[in-house]
Amino acid sequence: MNTPKALVAANSKEIAERAQAARSRGGNTVILAPVDFSEHSVAALVFACKLADRLPAAVLALHVVHDPGDMPGYYSKLIKKKRLGRIEDTAADAFDDFMADTIAAHPELASLRDAERLMVVGLPVTRILEVAKKLDPTMVVVGSQGRTRMKKMIIGSKAAQIVQLCPVPVTVVKRKKPLAED
């Protein structure tokens, strides 16, 4: 089977097309799983896929391309092959690598292998909410670092903002810490 590649959606029509592809695969039920390539987003994506395999539903993995000012070159650190180019192309390579690694770690998840991949450019929370409104998924599954209340007040939490503002139900997933980290 052809593995879907990351698509950078330039407009609402392209988002709608990718959403329709996911809907046709999932019996009109779609779970949106935003990812940022962290361990927390792996946990959220795997949770979304386990749920999708049981429902059945399709998963649409979303990455928001954002090169934060406090972390320039974020994507170039993530890809295995170094190259110069547009940030969207570098992010697409990082997204495809992320998905390939996650699929290799969880080969039993059919919905993970078949997940639609969508990328949009912008501020993460804003764009995730826009895609959620356009897609109208059954739910959104996001990863969280689980910061303390004090850290959240100082630096904010994307997951908390999504929970507060999202028009559909949101499930927040934290990765399980290995016993050595306790």
N, C-alpha and C. Protein backbone atom coordinates (compact mmCIF):
# COMPACT_ATOMS: atom_id res chain seq x y z
N MET A 1 0.83 -1.18 0.00
CA MET A 1 0.00 0.00 0.00
C MET A 1 0.88 1.24 0.00
N ASN A 2 0.48 2.26 -0.73
CA ASN A 2 1.21 3.52 -0.75
C ASN A 2 1.05 4.25 0.57
N THR A 3 2.17 4.64 1.16
CA THR A 3 2.11 5.41 2.38
C THR A 3 1.85 6.86 2.03
N PRO A 4 0.83 7.48 2.65
CA PRO A 4 0.56 8.89 2.34
C PRO A 4 1.76 9.75 2.71
N LYS A 5 2.02 10.75 1.91
CA LYS A 5 3.09 11.70 2.20
C LYS A 5 2.48 12.96 2.76
N ALA A 6 3.30 13.73 3.47
CA ALA A 6 2.83 14.99 4.04
C ALA A 6 2.49 15.96 2.91
N LEU A 7 1.38 16.64 3.07
CA LEU A 7 0.94 17.65 2.10
C LEU A 7 0.86 18.98 2.81
N VAL A 8 1.49 19.99 2.24
CA VAL A 8 1.36 21.34 2.78
C VAL A 8 0.14 21.96 2.12
N ALA A 9 -0.89 22.19 2.91
CA ALA A 9 -2.12 22.78 2.39
C ALA A 9 -1.97 24.29 2.34
N ALA A 10 -2.17 24.84 1.16
CA ALA A 10 -2.02 26.28 0.97
C ALA A 10 -3.34 27.02 1.18
N ASN A 11 -4.46 26.29 1.15
CA ASN A 11 -5.75 26.97 1.28
C ASN A 11 -6.79 26.00 1.85
N SER A 12 -7.98 26.54 2.10
CA SER A 12 -9.06 25.75 2.70
C SER A 12 -9.50 24.60 1.80
N LYS A 13 -9.42 24.78 0.48
CA LYS A 13 -9.82 23.73 -0.44
C LYS A 13 -8.93 22.50 -0.28
N GLU A 14 -7.63 22.71 -0.14
CA GLU A 14 -6.72 21.58 0.03
C GLU A 14 -6.94 20.89 1.37
N ILE A 15 -7.27 21.65 2.41
CA ILE A 15 -7.59 21.06 3.71
C ILE A 15 -8.85 20.19 3.56
N ALA A 16 -9.85 20.73 2.88
CA ALA A 16 -11.11 19.99 2.67
C ALA A 16 -10.87 18.71 1.87
N GLU A 17 -10.00 18.76 0.87
CA GLU A 17 -9.70 17.56 0.07
C GLU A 17 -9.06 16.47 0.92
N ARG A 18 -8.10 16.85 1.77
CA ARG A 18 -7.43 15.87 2.62
C ARG A 18 -8.41 15.33 3.66
N ALA A 19 -9.29 16.20 4.16
CA ALA A 19 -10.31 15.78 5.12
C ALA A 19 -11.26 14.77 4.47
N GLN A 20 -11.65 15.03 3.23
CA GLN A 20 -12.56 14.11 2.52
C GLN A 20 -11.89 12.76 2.29
N ALA A 21 -10.60 12.77 1.97
CA ALA A 21 -9.87 11.52 1.80
C ALA A 21 -9.88 10.71 3.10
N ALA A 22 -9.69 11.39 4.22
CA ALA A 22 -9.71 10.71 5.52
C ALA A 22 -11.11 10.19 5.82
N ARG A 23 -12.13 11.02 5.56
CA ARG A 23 -13.52 10.61 5.83
C ARG A 23 -13.91 9.38 5.03
N SER A 24 -13.50 9.33 3.77
CA SER A 24 -13.88 8.19 2.93
C SER A 24 -13.23 6.90 3.44
N ARG A 25 -12.09 7.03 4.08
CA ARG A 25 -11.40 5.86 4.61
C ARG A 25 -11.96 5.44 5.97
N GLY A 26 -12.50 6.39 6.73
CA GLY A 26 -12.90 6.10 8.10
C GLY A 26 -14.39 6.04 8.33
N GLY A 27 -15.18 5.77 7.29
CA GLY A 27 -16.62 5.68 7.48
C GLY A 27 -17.21 6.97 8.00
N ASN A 28 -16.67 8.08 7.55
CA ASN A 28 -17.12 9.43 7.90
C ASN A 28 -16.73 9.85 9.32
N THR A 29 -15.94 9.05 10.01
CA THR A 29 -15.47 9.38 11.35
C THR A 29 -13.97 9.66 11.28
N VAL A 30 -13.57 10.85 11.73
CA VAL A 30 -12.16 11.25 11.66
C VAL A 30 -11.70 11.74 13.02
N ILE A 31 -10.50 11.33 13.39
CA ILE A 31 -9.84 11.82 14.60
C ILE A 31 -8.67 12.68 14.14
N LEU A 32 -8.62 13.91 14.62
CA LEU A 32 -7.52 14.83 14.30
C LEU A 32 -6.45 14.69 15.36
N ALA A 33 -5.21 14.46 14.92
CA ALA A 33 -4.09 14.29 15.85
C ALA A 33 -2.96 15.24 15.46
N PRO A 34 -2.93 16.43 16.07
CA PRO A 34 -1.82 17.35 15.80
C PRO A 34 -0.53 16.80 16.41
N VAL A 35 0.57 16.91 15.66
CA VAL A 35 1.87 16.40 16.14
C VAL A 35 2.94 17.47 15.98
N ASP A 36 3.89 17.45 16.92
CA ASP A 36 5.04 18.36 16.84
C ASP A 36 6.35 17.59 16.87
N PHE A 37 6.27 16.28 16.68
CA PHE A 37 7.40 15.36 16.62
C PHE A 37 8.01 15.04 17.98
N SER A 38 7.39 15.48 19.06
CA SER A 38 7.88 15.18 20.41
C SER A 38 7.39 13.79 20.84
N GLU A 39 7.95 13.29 21.95
CA GLU A 39 7.50 12.01 22.51
C GLU A 39 6.03 12.09 22.92
N HIS A 40 5.61 13.28 23.33
CA HIS A 40 4.22 13.48 23.76
C HIS A 40 3.27 13.35 22.57
N SER A 41 3.70 13.86 21.42
CA SER A 41 2.83 13.75 20.25
C SER A 41 2.84 12.33 19.69
N VAL A 42 3.92 11.58 19.88
CA VAL A 42 3.91 10.16 19.52
C VAL A 42 2.85 9.44 20.35
N ALA A 43 2.84 9.70 21.66
CA ALA A 43 1.87 9.07 22.55
C ALA A 43 0.44 9.42 22.12
N ALA A 44 0.21 10.67 21.78
CA ALA A 44 -1.13 11.11 21.36
C ALA A 44 -1.53 10.46 20.04
N LEU A 45 -0.61 10.41 19.08
CA LEU A 45 -0.91 9.81 17.79
C LEU A 45 -1.20 8.32 17.94
N VAL A 46 -0.41 7.63 18.73
CA VAL A 46 -0.63 6.19 18.94
C VAL A 46 -1.98 5.97 19.63
N PHE A 47 -2.31 6.80 20.63
CA PHE A 47 -3.62 6.69 21.29
C PHE A 47 -4.75 6.90 20.29
N ALA A 48 -4.62 7.94 19.45
CA ALA A 48 -5.65 8.23 18.44
C ALA A 48 -5.82 7.05 17.49
N CYS A 49 -4.72 6.43 17.10
CA CYS A 49 -4.78 5.30 16.16
C CYS A 49 -5.36 4.06 16.81
N LYS A 50 -5.04 3.81 18.07
CA LYS A 50 -5.65 2.68 18.77
C LYS A 50 -7.16 2.87 18.85
N LEU A 51 -7.57 4.07 19.15
CA LEU A 51 -9.00 4.38 19.22
C LEU A 51 -9.64 4.23 17.84
N ALA A 52 -8.97 4.74 16.82
CA ALA A 52 -9.50 4.66 15.45
C ALA A 52 -9.64 3.22 14.98
N ASP A 53 -8.70 2.38 15.35
CA ASP A 53 -8.78 0.97 14.96
C ASP A 53 -9.97 0.28 15.61
N ARG A 54 -10.39 0.74 16.77
CA ARG A 54 -11.52 0.12 17.47
C ARG A 54 -12.87 0.66 17.01
N LEU A 55 -12.92 1.90 16.51
CA LEU A 55 -14.22 2.53 16.22
C LEU A 55 -14.97 1.96 15.01
N PRO A 56 -14.63 1.85 13.87
CA PRO A 56 -13.45 2.30 13.13
C PRO A 56 -13.57 3.78 12.74
N ALA A 57 -12.41 4.38 12.58
CA ALA A 57 -12.32 5.78 12.18
C ALA A 57 -11.01 5.96 11.43
N ALA A 58 -10.86 7.09 10.80
CA ALA A 58 -9.60 7.44 10.15
C ALA A 58 -8.90 8.48 11.00
N VAL A 59 -7.59 8.53 10.88
CA VAL A 59 -6.80 9.52 11.60
C VAL A 59 -6.20 10.48 10.60
N LEU A 60 -6.29 11.75 10.92
CA LEU A 60 -5.61 12.78 10.14
C LEU A 60 -4.55 13.38 11.04
N ALA A 61 -3.29 13.11 10.71
CA ALA A 61 -2.16 13.66 11.47
C ALA A 61 -1.85 15.04 10.90
N LEU A 62 -1.81 16.02 11.78
CA LEU A 62 -1.61 17.41 11.39
C LEU A 62 -0.34 17.95 12.01
N HIS A 63 0.47 18.59 11.19
CA HIS A 63 1.63 19.32 11.72
C HIS A 63 1.54 20.76 11.26
N VAL A 64 1.73 21.67 12.19
CA VAL A 64 1.74 23.09 11.86
C VAL A 64 3.19 23.53 11.72
N VAL A 65 3.54 23.97 10.52
CA VAL A 65 4.91 24.41 10.25
C VAL A 65 5.09 25.79 10.88
N HIS A 66 5.98 25.83 11.83
CA HIS A 66 6.23 27.06 12.57
C HIS A 66 7.69 27.03 12.99
N ASP A 67 8.45 28.01 12.54
CA ASP A 67 9.86 28.10 12.93
C ASP A 67 9.96 29.16 14.01
N PRO A 68 9.84 28.76 15.26
CA PRO A 68 9.79 29.74 16.34
C PRO A 68 11.08 30.54 16.44
N GLY A 69 10.92 31.82 16.77
CA GLY A 69 12.07 32.71 16.89
C GLY A 69 13.06 32.27 17.95
N ASP A 70 12.57 31.59 18.99
CA ASP A 70 13.48 31.16 20.05
C ASP A 70 14.17 29.83 19.73
N MET A 71 13.79 29.20 18.60
CA MET A 71 14.41 27.94 18.19
C MET A 71 14.64 27.91 16.68
N PRO A 72 15.38 28.87 16.13
CA PRO A 72 15.57 28.86 14.68
C PRO A 72 16.28 27.58 14.24
N GLY A 73 15.88 27.09 13.07
CA GLY A 73 16.48 25.87 12.55
C GLY A 73 15.93 24.62 13.19
N TYR A 74 14.78 24.69 13.83
CA TYR A 74 14.16 23.56 14.52
C TYR A 74 14.07 22.34 13.63
N TYR A 75 13.61 22.51 12.41
CA TYR A 75 13.39 21.37 11.52
C TYR A 75 14.69 20.77 11.01
N SER A 76 15.68 21.59 10.76
CA SER A 76 16.93 21.06 10.24
C SER A 76 17.60 20.12 11.23
N LYS A 77 17.29 20.25 12.51
CA LYS A 77 17.85 19.35 13.52
C LYS A 77 17.14 18.00 13.53
N LEU A 78 15.95 17.95 12.95
CA LEU A 78 15.13 16.74 13.03
C LEU A 78 15.31 15.78 11.87
N ILE A 79 15.75 16.28 10.72
CA ILE A 79 15.80 15.39 9.55
C ILE A 79 17.12 14.66 9.47
N LYS A 80 17.06 13.47 8.89
CA LYS A 80 18.24 12.61 8.81
C LYS A 80 19.19 13.04 7.70
N LYS A 81 18.62 13.57 6.61
CA LYS A 81 19.47 14.01 5.51
C LYS A 81 19.49 15.54 5.49
N LYS A 82 20.67 16.08 5.55
CA LYS A 82 20.81 17.54 5.59
C LYS A 82 20.68 18.12 4.19
N ARG A 83 19.90 19.20 4.09
CA ARG A 83 19.77 19.88 2.82
C ARG A 83 19.23 21.28 3.06
N LEU A 84 19.45 22.11 2.10
CA LEU A 84 18.92 23.46 2.16
C LEU A 84 17.65 23.51 1.34
N GLY A 85 16.73 24.35 1.74
CA GLY A 85 15.49 24.47 0.99
C GLY A 85 14.45 25.23 1.78
N ARG A 86 13.26 25.22 1.26
CA ARG A 86 12.16 25.89 1.94
C ARG A 86 11.86 25.19 3.26
N ILE A 87 11.45 25.96 4.24
CA ILE A 87 11.13 25.38 5.55
C ILE A 87 10.02 24.35 5.42
N GLU A 88 9.06 24.56 4.52
CA GLU A 88 7.97 23.61 4.34
C GLU A 88 8.48 22.26 3.86
N ASP A 89 9.48 22.28 2.96
CA ASP A 89 10.04 21.03 2.46
C ASP A 89 10.81 20.29 3.55
N THR A 90 11.56 21.04 4.35
CA THR A 90 12.30 20.45 5.45
C THR A 90 11.35 19.88 6.48
N ALA A 91 10.27 20.62 6.79
CA ALA A 91 9.27 20.14 7.74
C ALA A 91 8.57 18.89 7.21
N ALA A 92 8.30 18.85 5.90
CA ALA A 92 7.66 17.67 5.30
C ALA A 92 8.55 16.44 5.45
N ASP A 93 9.85 16.62 5.23
CA ASP A 93 10.79 15.50 5.42
C ASP A 93 10.79 15.04 6.88
N ALA A 94 10.80 16.01 7.81
CA ALA A 94 10.78 15.67 9.24
C ALA A 94 9.47 14.95 9.59
N PHE A 95 8.35 15.40 9.02
CA PHE A 95 7.05 14.78 9.27
C PHE A 95 7.04 13.35 8.75
N ASP A 96 7.52 13.15 7.53
CA ASP A 96 7.56 11.80 6.95
C ASP A 96 8.48 10.89 7.77
N ASP A 97 9.62 11.40 8.24
CA ASP A 97 10.52 10.62 9.09
C ASP A 97 9.84 10.26 10.41
N PHE A 98 9.16 11.24 11.00
CA PHE A 98 8.43 11.03 12.26
C PHE A 98 7.38 9.92 12.09
N MET A 99 6.61 10.01 11.01
CA MET A 99 5.57 9.01 10.77
C MET A 99 6.19 7.63 10.52
N ALA A 100 7.26 7.57 9.73
CA ALA A 100 7.91 6.29 9.44
C ALA A 100 8.44 5.65 10.73
N ASP A 101 9.06 6.45 11.59
CA ASP A 101 9.57 5.93 12.86
C ASP A 101 8.45 5.44 13.76
N THR A 102 7.35 6.18 13.80
CA THR A 102 6.21 5.81 14.64
C THR A 102 5.55 4.54 14.11
N ILE A 103 5.42 4.44 12.79
CA ILE A 103 4.85 3.24 12.18
C ILE A 103 5.74 2.03 12.46
N ALA A 104 7.04 2.21 12.35
CA ALA A 104 7.97 1.10 12.62
C ALA A 104 7.87 0.63 14.07
N ALA A 105 7.61 1.56 14.99
CA ALA A 105 7.49 1.20 16.40
C ALA A 105 6.14 0.58 16.74
N HIS A 106 5.13 0.81 15.87
CA HIS A 106 3.77 0.31 16.13
C HIS A 106 3.17 -0.29 14.85
N PRO A 107 3.78 -1.34 14.32
CA PRO A 107 3.31 -1.91 13.04
C PRO A 107 1.91 -2.52 13.11
N GLU A 108 1.41 -2.78 14.32
CA GLU A 108 0.09 -3.40 14.48
C GLU A 108 -1.06 -2.42 14.24
N LEU A 109 -0.79 -1.13 14.14
CA LEU A 109 -1.85 -0.13 14.02
C LEU A 109 -2.13 0.21 12.55
N ALA A 110 -3.20 -0.36 12.02
CA ALA A 110 -3.56 -0.12 10.62
C ALA A 110 -3.86 1.35 10.36
N SER A 111 -4.56 1.99 11.28
CA SER A 111 -4.92 3.40 11.06
C SER A 111 -3.69 4.31 11.09
N LEU A 112 -2.63 3.88 11.73
CA LEU A 112 -1.39 4.66 11.72
C LEU A 112 -0.74 4.57 10.34
N ARG A 113 -0.70 3.37 9.78
CA ARG A 113 -0.13 3.21 8.43
C ARG A 113 -0.92 3.99 7.39
N ASP A 114 -2.25 4.05 7.58
CA ASP A 114 -3.13 4.69 6.60
C ASP A 114 -3.44 6.16 6.90
N ALA A 115 -2.89 6.69 7.98
CA ALA A 115 -3.24 8.06 8.40
C ALA A 115 -2.95 9.08 7.30
N GLU A 116 -3.92 9.96 7.09
CA GLU A 116 -3.69 11.10 6.20
C GLU A 116 -2.72 12.04 6.89
N ARG A 117 -1.90 12.70 6.11
CA ARG A 117 -0.92 13.64 6.65
C ARG A 117 -1.17 15.01 6.06
N LEU A 118 -1.29 15.98 6.93
CA LEU A 118 -1.57 17.33 6.50
C LEU A 118 -0.67 18.30 7.24
N MET A 119 -0.14 19.26 6.50
CA MET A 119 0.66 20.32 7.11
C MET A 119 0.06 21.66 6.72
N VAL A 120 0.08 22.58 7.66
CA VAL A 120 -0.32 23.96 7.41
C VAL A 120 0.75 24.86 8.01
N VAL A 121 0.82 26.08 7.55
CA VAL A 121 1.83 27.02 8.02
C VAL A 121 1.15 28.04 8.92
N GLY A 122 1.77 28.37 10.04
CA GLY A 122 1.24 29.41 10.91
C GLY A 122 1.54 29.15 12.37
N LEU A 123 0.75 29.82 13.22
CA LEU A 123 0.88 29.64 14.66
C LEU A 123 0.13 28.38 15.06
N PRO A 124 0.76 27.49 15.81
CA PRO A 124 0.18 26.17 16.06
C PRO A 124 -1.25 26.17 16.60
N VAL A 125 -1.54 26.84 17.68
CA VAL A 125 -2.88 26.77 18.26
C VAL A 125 -3.92 27.32 17.29
N THR A 126 -3.63 28.46 16.69
CA THR A 126 -4.57 29.08 15.75
C THR A 126 -4.87 28.17 14.58
N ARG A 127 -3.85 27.60 13.99
CA ARG A 127 -4.04 26.76 12.82
C ARG A 127 -4.69 25.42 13.17
N ILE A 128 -4.38 24.85 14.32
CA ILE A 128 -5.04 23.61 14.75
C ILE A 128 -6.53 23.85 14.90
N LEU A 129 -6.90 24.96 15.52
CA LEU A 129 -8.31 25.29 15.70
C LEU A 129 -9.00 25.53 14.36
N GLU A 130 -8.31 26.19 13.42
CA GLU A 130 -8.89 26.41 12.09
C GLU A 130 -9.14 25.10 11.36
N VAL A 131 -8.17 24.20 11.43
CA VAL A 131 -8.33 22.89 10.77
C VAL A 131 -9.45 22.10 11.45
N ALA A 132 -9.52 22.17 12.77
CA ALA A 132 -10.60 21.46 13.49
C ALA A 132 -11.97 21.98 13.06
N LYS A 133 -12.10 23.28 12.88
CA LYS A 133 -13.38 23.83 12.44
C LYS A 133 -13.70 23.37 11.02
N LYS A 134 -12.71 23.38 10.14
CA LYS A 134 -12.92 22.98 8.75
C LYS A 134 -13.19 21.48 8.63
N LEU A 135 -12.44 20.69 9.36
CA LEU A 135 -12.53 19.23 9.29
C LEU A 135 -13.75 18.68 10.03
N ASP A 136 -14.12 19.32 11.13
CA ASP A 136 -15.20 18.85 12.01
C ASP A 136 -15.00 17.38 12.38
N PRO A 137 -13.85 17.08 13.03
CA PRO A 137 -13.57 15.70 13.41
C PRO A 137 -14.46 15.26 14.58
N THR A 138 -14.48 13.98 14.82
CA THR A 138 -15.19 13.44 15.97
C THR A 138 -14.52 13.92 17.25
N MET A 139 -13.19 13.99 17.22
CA MET A 139 -12.42 14.48 18.35
C MET A 139 -11.04 14.88 17.91
N VAL A 140 -10.36 15.63 18.78
CA VAL A 140 -8.97 16.01 18.60
C VAL A 140 -8.19 15.34 19.72
N VAL A 141 -7.06 14.73 19.40
CA VAL A 141 -6.20 14.11 20.40
C VAL A 141 -4.85 14.81 20.36
N VAL A 142 -4.48 15.45 21.47
CA VAL A 142 -3.22 16.19 21.53
C VAL A 142 -2.34 15.64 22.64
N GLY A 143 -1.06 15.79 22.46
CA GLY A 143 -0.10 15.41 23.49
C GLY A 143 0.18 16.59 24.39
N SER A 144 0.60 16.28 25.61
CA SER A 144 0.92 17.33 26.57
C SER A 144 2.12 16.92 27.40
N GLN A 145 2.93 17.90 27.73
CA GLN A 145 4.08 17.63 28.60
C GLN A 145 3.66 17.52 30.05
N GLY A 146 2.48 18.04 30.37
CA GLY A 146 2.00 17.96 31.75
C GLY A 146 2.76 18.89 32.67
N ARG A 147 2.97 20.10 32.23
CA ARG A 147 3.68 21.07 33.06
C ARG A 147 2.88 21.41 34.32
N THR A 148 3.60 21.90 35.31
CA THR A 148 2.94 22.33 36.54
C THR A 148 2.15 23.60 36.28
N ARG A 149 1.26 23.94 37.18
CA ARG A 149 0.43 25.12 37.04
C ARG A 149 1.28 26.39 36.92
N MET A 150 2.36 26.48 37.69
CA MET A 150 3.21 27.68 37.66
C MET A 150 3.88 27.83 36.30
N LYS A 151 4.45 26.75 35.79
CA LYS A 151 5.09 26.82 34.47
C LYS A 151 4.08 27.15 33.40
N LYS A 152 2.86 26.60 33.51
CA LYS A 152 1.82 26.88 32.53
C LYS A 152 1.46 28.36 32.52
N MET A 153 1.40 28.97 33.71
CA MET A 153 1.07 30.40 33.81
C MET A 153 2.15 31.25 33.16
N ILE A 154 3.39 30.84 33.31
CA ILE A 154 4.50 31.62 32.79
C ILE A 154 4.68 31.42 31.29
N ILE A 155 4.68 30.18 30.83
CA ILE A 155 4.96 29.94 29.42
C ILE A 155 3.76 29.45 28.61
N GLY A 156 2.65 29.19 29.24
CA GLY A 156 1.45 28.78 28.51
C GLY A 156 1.46 27.32 28.13
N SER A 157 0.34 26.85 27.67
CA SER A 157 0.21 25.47 27.24
C SER A 157 -0.65 25.42 25.99
N LYS A 158 -0.07 24.93 24.91
CA LYS A 158 -0.84 24.80 23.68
C LYS A 158 -2.01 23.85 23.87
N ALA A 159 -1.78 22.74 24.57
CA ALA A 159 -2.86 21.78 24.80
C ALA A 159 -4.00 22.42 25.58
N ALA A 160 -3.69 23.20 26.60
CA ALA A 160 -4.73 23.85 27.40
C ALA A 160 -5.53 24.84 26.56
N GLN A 161 -4.85 25.58 25.69
CA GLN A 161 -5.54 26.52 24.81
C GLN A 161 -6.47 25.78 23.85
N ILE A 162 -6.01 24.66 23.32
CA ILE A 162 -6.83 23.88 22.39
C ILE A 162 -8.06 23.34 23.13
N VAL A 163 -7.87 22.83 24.34
CA VAL A 163 -8.99 22.32 25.12
C VAL A 163 -10.03 23.42 25.33
N GLN A 164 -9.58 24.61 25.67
CA GLN A 164 -10.50 25.71 25.95
C GLN A 164 -11.24 26.21 24.72
N LEU A 165 -10.58 26.21 23.56
CA LEU A 165 -11.12 26.89 22.39
C LEU A 165 -11.65 25.98 21.29
N CYS A 166 -11.37 24.70 21.35
CA CYS A 166 -11.72 23.79 20.26
C CYS A 166 -13.24 23.55 20.22
N PRO A 167 -13.82 23.54 19.02
CA PRO A 167 -15.27 23.33 18.89
C PRO A 167 -15.72 21.87 19.01
N VAL A 168 -14.78 20.94 19.12
CA VAL A 168 -15.11 19.52 19.26
C VAL A 168 -14.40 18.97 20.50
N PRO A 169 -14.80 17.79 20.98
CA PRO A 169 -14.14 17.21 22.15
C PRO A 169 -12.63 17.02 21.93
N VAL A 170 -11.87 17.23 23.00
CA VAL A 170 -10.41 17.11 22.96
C VAL A 170 -9.97 16.12 24.03
N THR A 171 -9.11 15.21 23.65
CA THR A 171 -8.48 14.30 24.60
C THR A 171 -7.01 14.66 24.69
N VAL A 172 -6.52 14.86 25.91
CA VAL A 172 -5.12 15.20 26.13
C VAL A 172 -4.40 13.95 26.63
N VAL A 173 -3.29 13.61 25.97
CA VAL A 173 -2.55 12.40 26.28
C VAL A 173 -1.14 12.78 26.72
N LYS A 174 -0.72 12.19 27.83
CA LYS A 174 0.66 12.34 28.28
C LYS A 174 1.37 11.02 28.02
N ARG A 175 2.62 11.11 27.63
CA ARG A 175 3.37 9.86 27.43
C ARG A 175 3.66 9.24 28.79
N LYS A 176 3.73 7.92 28.79
CA LYS A 176 4.09 7.23 30.03
C LYS A 176 5.58 7.37 30.25
N LYS A 177 5.94 7.76 31.45
CA LYS A 177 7.36 7.88 31.78
C LYS A 177 7.92 6.50 32.11
N PRO A 178 9.13 6.22 31.63
CA PRO A 178 9.76 4.96 32.03
C PRO A 178 9.97 4.96 33.55
N LEU A 179 10.01 3.80 34.16
CA LEU A 179 10.15 3.70 35.61
C LEU A 179 11.40 4.41 36.13
N ALA A 180 12.47 4.46 35.36
CA ALA A 180 13.71 5.09 35.79
C ALA A 180 13.56 6.58 36.00
N GLU A 181 12.57 7.22 35.35
CA GLU A 181 12.39 8.66 35.47
C GLU A 181 11.57 9.05 36.68
N ASP A 182 10.92 8.11 37.34
CA ASP A 182 10.04 8.45 38.48
C ASP A 182 10.77 9.04 39.63
